[in-house]
Amino acid sequence: MKYSEPKADLRNWIPLVRRKSTIITLLAMLLIFITFQRVQVKPLKVQEYQTTIEVEDVPITKQEIQKQEAPKPRLAEVIETEDEEQADTVEIATTELDVEEPPPEVPTQVDEVDWVKVEIKPKVLSTPKPKYPDIAKKSGLEGAVIVEFVIDTTGDVLPGSAKIVAARPEGIFEEAALNAIYKWKFSPGQQRDRKVRVRWRQPIKFTLK
């Protein structure tokens, strides 16, 4: 059996080494804590940079607009032509009124027209009777209508030329008078040995027998 001294046995040194290591570690941590406990954290200052922008004043220029004069209107040239075949329109008013009672009053205000005298006035050749309105027949109404129209060079009433000048009573006999007047026949008016159109006014009387 071998003999070994207690001091030479390493196992006896392990507890001592551990205690010393622990003490050294604690002392090192305590020293670090004492050394750095007064460290102050200061905020980081950011340097401000100022940028200067130079603005150059640009003068404002005014643009002058020249006013253009409006073109002067040109007068249309009137060209006179002689057309023997074209029918003239001659406006007259007839004063013939073959009725027993006075006709309705003609309005005093009429359109301004050039009244031209004709050498030979138109004559009535055919006068078909107008259709008596049913409402007037049932009510026993009588009346009269003055119609203005244009007699063509053929002696017929020019289509679309008839219009009511006056009516008594109003709103009853106008349509019947217009329908009848287009069936009338006239001898054409003449001016300087040629046929012309003539504006004419004709009273139409509605009576019950």
C-alpha atoms as a PDB file:
ATOM      1  CA  MET A   1       0.000   0.000   0.000  1.00  0.00           C
ATOM      2  CA  LYS A   2       1.329   3.406  -1.065  1.00  0.00           C
ATOM      3  CA  TYR A   3       1.416   6.422   1.224  1.00  0.00           C
ATOM      4  CA  SER A   4       0.525   9.955   0.010  1.00  0.00           C
ATOM      5  CA  GLU A   5       0.705  13.201   1.850  1.00  0.00           C
ATOM      6  CA  PRO A   6      -2.476  15.245   2.330  1.00  0.00           C
ATOM      7  CA  LYS A   7      -0.952  18.405   0.815  1.00  0.00           C
ATOM      8  CA  ALA A   8       0.014  16.553  -2.345  1.00  0.00           C
ATOM      9  CA  ASP A   9      -3.544  15.319  -2.981  1.00  0.00           C
ATOM     10  CA  LEU A  10      -5.239  17.657  -5.555  1.00  0.00           C
ATOM     11  CA  ARG A  11      -8.696  16.696  -4.484  1.00  0.00           C
ATOM     12  CA  ASN A  12      -8.109  18.497  -1.231  1.00  0.00           C
ATOM     13  CA  TRP A  13      -7.467  21.771  -3.150  1.00  0.00           C
ATOM     14  CA  ILE A  14     -10.696  21.819  -5.184  1.00  0.00           C
ATOM     15  CA  PRO A  15     -12.960  23.337  -2.468  1.00  0.00           C
ATOM     16  CA  LEU A  16     -10.369  26.006  -1.708  1.00  0.00           C
ATOM     17  CA  VAL A  17     -10.012  26.955  -5.365  1.00  0.00           C
ATOM     18  CA  ARG A  18     -13.774  27.248  -5.734  1.00  0.00           C
ATOM     19  CA  ARG A  19     -14.074  29.551  -2.745  1.00  0.00           C
ATOM     20  CA  LYS A  20     -11.284  31.781  -3.978  1.00  0.00           C
ATOM     21  CA  SER A  21     -12.769  31.934  -7.495  1.00  0.00           C
ATOM     22  CA  THR A  22     -16.150  32.927  -6.126  1.00  0.00           C
ATOM     23  CA  ILE A  23     -14.629  35.634  -3.914  1.00  0.00           C
ATOM     24  CA  ILE A  24     -12.572  37.022  -6.821  1.00  0.00           C
ATOM     25  CA  THR A  25     -15.620  37.072  -9.116  1.00  0.00           C
ATOM     26  CA  LEU A  26     -17.735  38.931  -6.535  1.00  0.00           C
ATOM     27  CA  LEU A  27     -14.968  41.461  -5.929  1.00  0.00           C
ATOM     28  CA  ALA A  28     -14.591  42.046  -9.683  1.00  0.00           C
ATOM     29  CA  MET A  29     -18.334  42.632 -10.119  1.00  0.00           C
ATOM     30  CA  LEU A  30     -18.404  44.977  -7.129  1.00  0.00           C
ATOM     31  CA  LEU A  31     -15.499  46.960  -8.554  1.00  0.00           C
ATOM     32  CA  ILE A  32     -17.228  47.270 -11.945  1.00  0.00           C
ATOM     33  CA  PHE A  33     -20.464  48.421 -10.329  1.00  0.00           C
ATOM     34  CA  ILE A  34     -18.689  51.058  -8.239  1.00  0.00           C
ATOM     35  CA  THR A  35     -16.663  52.266 -11.193  1.00  0.00           C
ATOM     36  CA  PHE A  36     -19.537  52.744 -13.707  1.00  0.00           C
ATOM     37  CA  GLN A  37     -22.430  53.748 -11.470  1.00  0.00           C
ATOM     38  CA  ARG A  38     -21.809  57.452 -12.084  1.00  0.00           C
ATOM     39  CA  VAL A  39     -21.902  57.224 -15.841  1.00  0.00           C
ATOM     40  CA  GLN A  40     -24.415  59.756 -17.175  1.00  0.00           C
ATOM     41  CA  VAL A  41     -26.095  59.359 -20.486  1.00  0.00           C
ATOM     42  CA  LYS A  42     -26.149  62.653 -22.307  1.00  0.00           C
ATOM     43  CA  PRO A  43     -28.508  63.230 -25.248  1.00  0.00           C
ATOM     44  CA  LEU A  44     -26.968  63.420 -28.664  1.00  0.00           C
ATOM     45  CA  LYS A  45     -27.156  66.872 -30.135  1.00  0.00           C
ATOM     46  CA  VAL A  46     -27.908  66.996 -33.810  1.00  0.00           C
ATOM     47  CA  GLN A  47     -26.390  69.910 -35.591  1.00  0.00           C
ATOM     48  CA  GLU A  48     -28.953  71.990 -37.401  1.00  0.00           C
ATOM     49  CA  TYR A  49     -28.222  73.016 -40.925  1.00  0.00           C
ATOM     50  CA  GLN A  50     -29.817  76.111 -42.361  1.00  0.00           C
ATOM     51  CA  THR A  51     -30.433  76.329 -46.065  1.00  0.00           C
ATOM     52  CA  THR A  52     -30.783  79.701 -47.684  1.00  0.00           C
ATOM     53  CA  ILE A  53     -32.754  79.899 -50.924  1.00  0.00           C
ATOM     54  CA  GLU A  54     -32.372  83.021 -52.955  1.00  0.00           C
ATOM     55  CA  VAL A  55     -35.461  84.078 -54.893  1.00  0.00           C
ATOM     56  CA  GLU A  56     -34.927  86.306 -57.847  1.00  0.00           C
ATOM     57  CA  ASP A  57     -37.649  88.861 -58.535  1.00  0.00           C
ATOM     58  CA  VAL A  58     -38.888  88.504 -62.093  1.00  0.00           C
ATOM     59  CA  PRO A  59     -40.657  91.595 -63.420  1.00  0.00           C
ATOM     60  CA  ILE A  60     -44.224  90.979 -64.631  1.00  0.00           C
ATOM     61  CA  THR A  61     -44.684  91.961 -68.234  1.00  0.00           C
ATOM     62  CA  LYS A  62     -48.058  93.060 -69.548  1.00  0.00           C
ATOM     63  CA  GLN A  63     -49.034  91.890 -72.983  1.00  0.00           C
ATOM     64  CA  GLU A  64     -50.989  94.448 -74.901  1.00  0.00           C
ATOM     65  CA  ILE A  65     -53.853  93.032 -76.927  1.00  0.00           C
ATOM     66  CA  GLN A  66     -54.724  95.004 -79.971  1.00  0.00           C
ATOM     67  CA  LYS A  67     -58.428  95.497 -80.439  1.00  0.00           C
ATOM     68  CA  GLN A  68     -59.582  94.431 -83.830  1.00  0.00           C
ATOM     69  CA  GLU A  69     -62.325  96.459 -85.337  1.00  0.00           C
ATOM     70  CA  ALA A  70     -65.367  94.489 -86.335  1.00  0.00           C
ATOM     71  CA  PRO A  71     -65.768  94.286 -90.084  1.00  0.00           C
ATOM     72  CA  LYS A  72     -68.306  96.695 -91.403  1.00  0.00           C
ATOM     73  CA  PRO A  73     -71.414  94.978 -92.747  1.00  0.00           C
ATOM     74  CA  ARG A  74     -71.698  94.956 -96.456  1.00  0.00           C
ATOM     75  CA  LEU A  75     -74.913  95.987 -98.029  1.00  0.00           C
ATOM     76  CA  ALA A  76     -76.386  93.294-100.167  1.00  0.00           C
ATOM     77  CA  GLU A  77     -76.725  94.255-103.757  1.00  0.00           C
ATOM     78  CA  VAL A  78     -80.249  94.296-105.015  1.00  0.00           C
ATOM     79  CA  ILE A  79     -80.538  92.924-108.508  1.00  0.00           C
ATOM     80  CA  GLU A  80     -83.671  93.841-110.337  1.00  0.00           C
ATOM     81  CA  THR A  81     -84.929  91.217-112.727  1.00  0.00           C
ATOM     82  CA  GLU A  82     -87.829  91.278-115.105  1.00  0.00           C
ATOM     83  CA  ASP A  83     -89.743  88.035-115.022  1.00  0.00           C
ATOM     84  CA  GLU A  84     -92.936  88.247-116.983  1.00  0.00           C
ATOM     85  CA  GLU A  85     -93.964  84.726-116.045  1.00  0.00           C
ATOM     86  CA  GLN A  86     -93.701  85.276-112.272  1.00  0.00           C
ATOM     87  CA  ALA A  87     -97.022  86.268-110.789  1.00  0.00           C
ATOM     88  CA  ASP A  88     -97.221  89.451-108.724  1.00  0.00           C
ATOM     89  CA  THR A  89     -99.191  89.667-105.494  1.00  0.00           C
ATOM     90  CA  VAL A  90    -101.509  92.647-105.316  1.00  0.00           C
ATOM     91  CA  GLU A  91    -103.211  93.385-102.032  1.00  0.00           C
ATOM     92  CA  ILE A  92    -106.601  95.055-101.977  1.00  0.00           C
ATOM     93  CA  ALA A  93    -109.583  95.003 -99.687  1.00  0.00           C
ATOM     94  CA  THR A  94    -113.051  94.396-100.980  1.00  0.00           C
ATOM     95  CA  THR A  95    -115.880  96.502 -99.676  1.00  0.00           C
ATOM     96  CA  GLU A  96    -118.638  94.344-101.125  1.00  0.00           C
ATOM     97  CA  LEU A  97    -120.806  92.871 -98.394  1.00  0.00           C
ATOM     98  CA  ASP A  98    -124.006  91.194 -99.520  1.00  0.00           C
ATOM     99  CA  VAL A  99    -125.570  90.349 -96.181  1.00  0.00           C
ATOM    100  CA  GLU A 100    -128.747  91.443 -94.462  1.00  0.00           C
ATOM    101  CA  GLU A 101    -127.158  92.396 -91.150  1.00  0.00           C
ATOM    102  CA  PRO A 102    -123.899  94.291 -90.601  1.00  0.00           C
ATOM    103  CA  PRO A 103    -120.752  92.158 -90.678  1.00  0.00           C
ATOM    104  CA  PRO A 104    -118.491  91.721 -87.671  1.00  0.00           C
ATOM    105  CA  GLU A 105    -116.223  94.620 -86.907  1.00  0.00           C
ATOM    106  CA  VAL A 106    -112.829  94.377 -88.573  1.00  0.00           C
ATOM    107  CA  PRO A 107    -109.902  94.993 -86.179  1.00  0.00           C
ATOM    108  CA  THR A 108    -108.511  98.481 -86.557  1.00  0.00           C
ATOM    109  CA  GLN A 109    -104.901  97.332 -86.130  1.00  0.00           C
ATOM    110  CA  VAL A 110    -103.668  95.322 -89.103  1.00  0.00           C
ATOM    111  CA  ASP A 111    -100.245  94.483 -90.445  1.00  0.00           C
ATOM    112  CA  GLU A 112     -98.693  97.236 -92.529  1.00  0.00           C
ATOM    113  CA  VAL A 113     -98.790  96.233 -96.193  1.00  0.00           C
ATOM    114  CA  ASP A 114     -98.449  97.985 -99.508  1.00  0.00           C
ATOM    115  CA  TRP A 115    -101.901  98.231-101.027  1.00  0.00           C
ATOM    116  CA  VAL A 116    -101.747  98.309-104.809  1.00  0.00           C
ATOM    117  CA  LYS A 117    -104.659  99.153-107.037  1.00  0.00           C
ATOM    118  CA  VAL A 118    -105.460  96.676-109.756  1.00  0.00           C
ATOM    119  CA  GLU A 119    -107.023  97.653-113.029  1.00  0.00           C
ATOM    120  CA  ILE A 120    -109.367  94.664-113.129  1.00  0.00           C
ATOM    121  CA  LYS A 121    -110.525  93.307-109.773  1.00  0.00           C
ATOM    122  CA  PRO A 122    -111.338  89.618-109.260  1.00  0.00           C
ATOM    123  CA  LYS A 123    -114.963  88.525-109.488  1.00  0.00           C
ATOM    124  CA  VAL A 124    -116.638  85.723-107.579  1.00  0.00           C
ATOM    125  CA  LEU A 125    -117.567  82.884-109.951  1.00  0.00           C
ATOM    126  CA  SER A 126    -118.406  80.003-107.620  1.00  0.00           C
ATOM    127  CA  THR A 127    -119.330  80.038-103.904  1.00  0.00           C
ATOM    128  CA  PRO A 128    -119.896  76.559-102.466  1.00  0.00           C
ATOM    129  CA  LYS A 129    -121.832  76.804 -99.221  1.00  0.00           C
ATOM    130  CA  PRO A 130    -119.884  76.053 -96.034  1.00  0.00           C
ATOM    131  CA  LYS A 131    -120.873  73.171 -93.784  1.00  0.00           C
ATOM    132  CA  TYR A 132    -122.936  74.445 -90.883  1.00  0.00           C
ATOM    133  CA  PRO A 133    -121.335  73.448 -87.552  1.00  0.00           C
ATOM    134  CA  ASP A 134    -123.418  70.907 -85.632  1.00  0.00           C
ATOM    135  CA  ILE A 135    -123.026  72.712 -82.320  1.00  0.00           C
ATOM    136  CA  ALA A 136    -124.319  75.929 -83.876  1.00  0.00           C
ATOM    137  CA  LYS A 137    -127.199  74.119 -85.582  1.00  0.00           C
ATOM    138  CA  LYS A 138    -128.289  72.428 -82.336  1.00  0.00           C
ATOM    139  CA  SER A 139    -127.996  75.696 -80.418  1.00  0.00           C
ATOM    140  CA  GLY A 140    -129.731  77.741 -83.120  1.00  0.00           C
ATOM    141  CA  LEU A 141    -126.737  80.074 -83.497  1.00  0.00           C
ATOM    142  CA  GLU A 142    -126.094  82.318 -86.494  1.00  0.00           C
ATOM    143  CA  GLY A 143    -122.993  84.337 -87.231  1.00  0.00           C
ATOM    144  CA  ALA A 144    -120.510  85.703 -89.734  1.00  0.00           C
ATOM    145  CA  VAL A 145    -116.784  85.376 -90.427  1.00  0.00           C
ATOM    146  CA  ILE A 146    -114.425  87.617 -92.419  1.00  0.00           C
ATOM    147  CA  VAL A 147    -111.654  85.672 -94.149  1.00  0.00           C
ATOM    148  CA  GLU A 148    -108.540  87.175 -95.741  1.00  0.00           C
ATOM    149  CA  PHE A 149    -106.777  85.221 -98.492  1.00  0.00           C
ATOM    150  CA  VAL A 150    -104.846  85.519-101.765  1.00  0.00           C
ATOM    151  CA  ILE A 151    -106.449  84.892-105.154  1.00  0.00           C
ATOM    152  CA  ASP A 152    -103.918  83.249-107.448  1.00  0.00           C
ATOM    153  CA  THR A 153    -103.488  84.001-111.163  1.00  0.00           C
ATOM    154  CA  THR A 154    -105.587  80.901-111.866  1.00  0.00           C
ATOM    155  CA  GLY A 155    -108.542  82.294-109.918  1.00  0.00           C
ATOM    156  CA  ASP A 156    -108.148  79.755-107.112  1.00  0.00           C
ATOM    157  CA  VAL A 157    -107.477  80.629-103.495  1.00  0.00           C
ATOM    158  CA  LEU A 158    -103.741  80.223-102.866  1.00  0.00           C
ATOM    159  CA  PRO A 159    -103.235  77.227-100.532  1.00  0.00           C
ATOM    160  CA  GLY A 160    -102.234  78.211 -97.015  1.00  0.00           C
ATOM    161  CA  SER A 161    -103.009  81.916 -97.525  1.00  0.00           C
ATOM    162  CA  ALA A 162    -106.402  82.080 -95.781  1.00  0.00           C
ATOM    163  CA  LYS A 163    -106.697  83.450 -92.252  1.00  0.00           C
ATOM    164  CA  ILE A 164    -109.485  84.674 -90.004  1.00  0.00           C
ATOM    165  CA  VAL A 165    -109.752  88.445 -89.598  1.00  0.00           C
ATOM    166  CA  ALA A 166    -112.896  88.570 -87.459  1.00  0.00           C
ATOM    167  CA  ALA A 167    -115.664  86.232 -86.320  1.00  0.00           C
ATOM    168  CA  ARG A 168    -118.997  86.599 -84.507  1.00  0.00           C
ATOM    169  CA  PRO A 169    -119.398  84.664 -82.284  1.00  0.00           C
ATOM    170  CA  GLU A 170    -115.822  83.511 -81.839  1.00  0.00           C
ATOM    171  CA  GLY A 171    -114.808  79.864 -81.781  1.00  0.00           C
ATOM    172  CA  ILE A 172    -117.824  78.486 -83.693  1.00  0.00           C
ATOM    173  CA  PHE A 173    -117.737  79.211 -87.438  1.00  0.00           C
ATOM    174  CA  GLU A 174    -114.020  79.836 -88.167  1.00  0.00           C
ATOM    175  CA  GLU A 175    -113.060  76.309 -89.232  1.00  0.00           C
ATOM    176  CA  ALA A 176    -116.085  75.914 -91.498  1.00  0.00           C
ATOM    177  CA  ALA A 177    -115.346  79.266 -93.161  1.00  0.00           C
ATOM    178  CA  LEU A 178    -111.702  78.355 -93.859  1.00  0.00           C
ATOM    179  CA  ASN A 179    -112.653  74.983 -95.341  1.00  0.00           C
ATOM    180  CA  ALA A 180    -115.247  76.613 -97.598  1.00  0.00           C
ATOM    181  CA  ILE A 181    -113.147  79.516 -98.893  1.00  0.00           C
ATOM    182  CA  TYR A 182    -110.587  77.194-100.521  1.00  0.00           C
ATOM    183  CA  LYS A 183    -113.424  75.853-102.709  1.00  0.00           C
ATOM    184  CA  TRP A 184    -114.426  79.290-104.009  1.00  0.00           C
ATOM    185  CA  LYS A 185    -113.574  80.276-107.565  1.00  0.00           C
ATOM    186  CA  PHE A 186    -112.713  83.795-108.806  1.00  0.00           C
ATOM    187  CA  SER A 187    -111.751  85.480-112.010  1.00  0.00           C
ATOM    188  CA  PRO A 188    -108.086  86.523-111.636  1.00  0.00           C
ATOM    189  CA  GLY A 189    -107.143  90.152-111.162  1.00  0.00           C
ATOM    190  CA  GLN A 190    -105.226  91.963-113.889  1.00  0.00           C
ATOM    191  CA  GLN A 191    -102.623  94.707-113.843  1.00  0.00           C
ATOM    192  CA  ARG A 192    -101.158  96.143-117.052  1.00  0.00           C
ATOM    193  CA  ASP A 193    -102.716  93.440-119.199  1.00  0.00           C
ATOM    194  CA  ARG A 194    -101.358  90.531-117.189  1.00  0.00           C
ATOM    195  CA  LYS A 195    -102.766  88.364-114.417  1.00  0.00           C
ATOM    196  CA  VAL A 196    -101.605  89.100-110.889  1.00  0.00           C
ATOM    197  CA  ARG A 197    -102.195  87.747-107.423  1.00  0.00           C
ATOM    198  CA  VAL A 198    -104.637  89.759-105.331  1.00  0.00           C
ATOM    199  CA  ARG A 199    -105.099  89.802-101.570  1.00  0.00           C
ATOM    200  CA  TRP A 200    -108.820  89.727-100.816  1.00  0.00           C
ATOM    201  CA  ARG A 201    -111.192  89.863 -97.850  1.00  0.00           C
ATOM    202  CA  GLN A 202    -114.519  88.066 -98.041  1.00  0.00           C
ATOM    203  CA  PRO A 203    -117.332  87.898 -95.449  1.00  0.00           C
ATOM    204  CA  ILE A 204    -119.119  84.561 -95.079  1.00  0.00           C
ATOM    205  CA  LYS A 205    -122.505  84.571 -93.366  1.00  0.00           C
ATOM    206  CA  PHE A 206    -124.001  81.613 -91.506  1.00  0.00           C
ATOM    207  CA  THR A 207    -127.828  81.637 -91.259  1.00  0.00           C
ATOM    208  CA  LEU A 208    -130.407  79.015 -90.394  1.00  0.00           C
ATOM    209  CA  LYS A 209    -133.426  78.604 -92.694  1.00  0.00           C
END
